[in-house]
Amino acid sequence: MKTSKPLAIALAALTALALLTGAVAAPILCRPFYYAHIGPMRLEEYGLSREEIKTAYNQMMDFCLGRRENFAAGVLAFSQSGADHFADVRGLFLLDQVYELMYQIAKK
């Protein structure tokens, strides 16, 4: 069966978008991936304990993924413009999740 050129282009674009959203979603949704980098990146040398770093990351990611209403970053201070930035990021993360879910449903 031969696929029409516009359909082939649309499918290629959708596949590329699915790969991109999957590449974004994997590290976002797999927190141990981030935790594994705390030591090798020497993040504790900046004055925070491993638990404080994990708490800040978890609170920030929970906000970005829609699991909490208010932005927080553990013991880390942040400005209103920083919180606004993460509100924008939240919109992109949620869009990424919706697209990835739609792709997985359509694939079945």
Protein backbone atom coordinates (compact mmCIF):
# COMPACT_ATOMS: atom_id res chain seq x y z
CA MET A 1 0.00 0.00 0.00
CA LYS A 2 1.38 3.35 -1.02
CA THR A 3 1.09 6.29 1.43
CA SER A 4 0.28 9.73 0.09
CA LYS A 5 3.02 12.34 0.32
CA PRO A 6 1.12 14.71 2.68
CA LEU A 7 0.26 11.80 4.96
CA ALA A 8 3.88 10.59 4.97
CA ILE A 9 5.06 14.12 5.89
CA ALA A 10 2.45 14.39 8.65
CA LEU A 11 3.39 10.97 10.05
CA ALA A 12 7.09 11.87 9.97
CA ALA A 13 6.40 15.13 11.83
CA LEU A 14 4.24 13.37 14.41
CA THR A 15 6.86 10.68 14.92
CA ALA A 16 9.58 13.31 15.42
CA LEU A 17 7.34 15.11 17.91
CA ALA A 18 6.69 11.84 19.76
CA LEU A 19 10.41 11.12 19.99
CA LEU A 20 11.06 14.65 21.28
CA THR A 21 8.32 14.49 23.91
CA GLY A 22 9.47 11.03 24.95
CA ALA A 23 13.03 12.29 25.32
CA VAL A 24 11.77 15.15 27.50
CA ALA A 25 9.38 12.99 29.53
CA ALA A 26 11.86 10.23 30.41
CA PRO A 27 14.20 12.26 32.67
CA ILE A 28 11.30 14.34 34.00
CA LEU A 29 9.34 11.31 35.14
CA CYS A 30 12.33 9.24 36.27
CA ARG A 31 13.56 11.06 39.36
CA PRO A 32 16.21 8.49 40.27
CA PHE A 33 17.96 9.57 37.05
CA TYR A 34 18.41 13.05 38.59
CA TYR A 35 19.27 11.70 42.04
CA ALA A 36 22.04 9.58 40.52
CA HIS A 37 23.72 12.77 39.28
CA ILE A 38 23.82 14.60 42.62
CA GLY A 39 27.12 12.97 43.65
CA PRO A 40 28.95 12.97 40.29
CA MET A 41 28.02 16.63 39.73
CA ARG A 42 29.21 17.45 43.26
CA LEU A 43 26.03 19.38 44.03
CA GLU A 44 26.50 18.94 47.78
CA GLU A 45 29.63 21.10 47.56
CA TYR A 46 27.33 24.13 47.15
CA GLY A 47 26.20 23.90 50.77
CA LEU A 48 23.08 21.75 50.61
CA SER A 49 22.68 18.20 51.82
CA ARG A 50 21.60 15.44 49.46
CA GLU A 51 18.15 15.42 51.10
CA GLU A 52 17.76 19.20 50.72
CA ILE A 53 18.67 18.94 47.03
CA LYS A 54 16.19 16.10 46.52
CA THR A 55 13.45 17.97 48.38
CA ALA A 56 13.98 21.13 46.31
CA TYR A 57 13.96 19.11 43.10
CA ASN A 58 10.88 17.13 44.10
CA GLN A 59 8.89 20.23 45.05
CA MET A 60 9.87 22.02 41.84
CA MET A 61 9.03 18.98 39.69
CA ASP A 62 5.75 18.36 41.53
CA PHE A 63 4.73 21.92 40.65
CA CYS A 64 5.83 21.57 37.02
CA LEU A 65 3.95 18.29 36.67
CA GLY A 66 0.74 19.70 38.16
CA ARG A 67 0.95 17.76 41.44
CA ARG A 68 1.01 20.87 43.62
CA GLU A 69 -0.61 24.28 43.17
CA ASN A 70 2.08 26.58 44.55
CA PHE A 71 5.69 26.76 43.44
CA ALA A 72 8.25 25.74 46.06
CA ALA A 73 11.93 24.75 46.01
CA GLY A 74 12.70 23.44 49.47
CA VAL A 75 15.20 25.63 51.31
CA LEU A 76 16.23 27.43 48.11
CA ALA A 77 15.20 31.06 47.81
CA PHE A 78 13.58 32.20 44.56
CA SER A 79 12.30 35.43 43.08
CA GLN A 80 8.82 36.08 41.70
CA SER A 81 10.28 36.06 38.19
CA GLY A 82 11.84 32.65 38.97
CA ALA A 83 8.45 31.33 40.10
CA ASP A 84 6.87 32.84 36.97
CA HIS A 85 9.46 31.06 34.83
CA PHE A 86 8.53 27.72 36.38
CA ALA A 87 4.85 28.51 35.83
CA ASP A 88 5.69 28.78 32.10
CA VAL A 89 7.71 25.55 32.28
CA ARG A 90 4.73 23.90 33.97
CA GLY A 91 2.57 24.67 30.94
CA LEU A 92 5.13 23.07 28.63
CA PHE A 93 5.53 19.99 30.85
CA LEU A 94 1.77 19.49 31.04
CA LEU A 95 1.50 19.90 27.26
CA ASP A 96 4.26 17.34 26.85
CA GLN A 97 2.40 14.86 29.06
CA VAL A 98 -0.87 15.37 27.19
CA TYR A 99 0.80 14.86 23.82
CA GLU A 100 2.66 11.76 24.97
CA LEU A 101 -0.58 10.29 26.36
CA MET A 102 -2.43 11.03 23.12
CA TYR A 103 0.37 9.44 21.11
CA GLN A 104 0.34 6.29 23.27
CA ILE A 105 -3.46 6.00 22.93
CA ALA A 106 -3.35 6.55 19.15
CA LYS A 107 -0.57 3.98 18.82
CA LYS A 108 -2.81 1.20 20.19
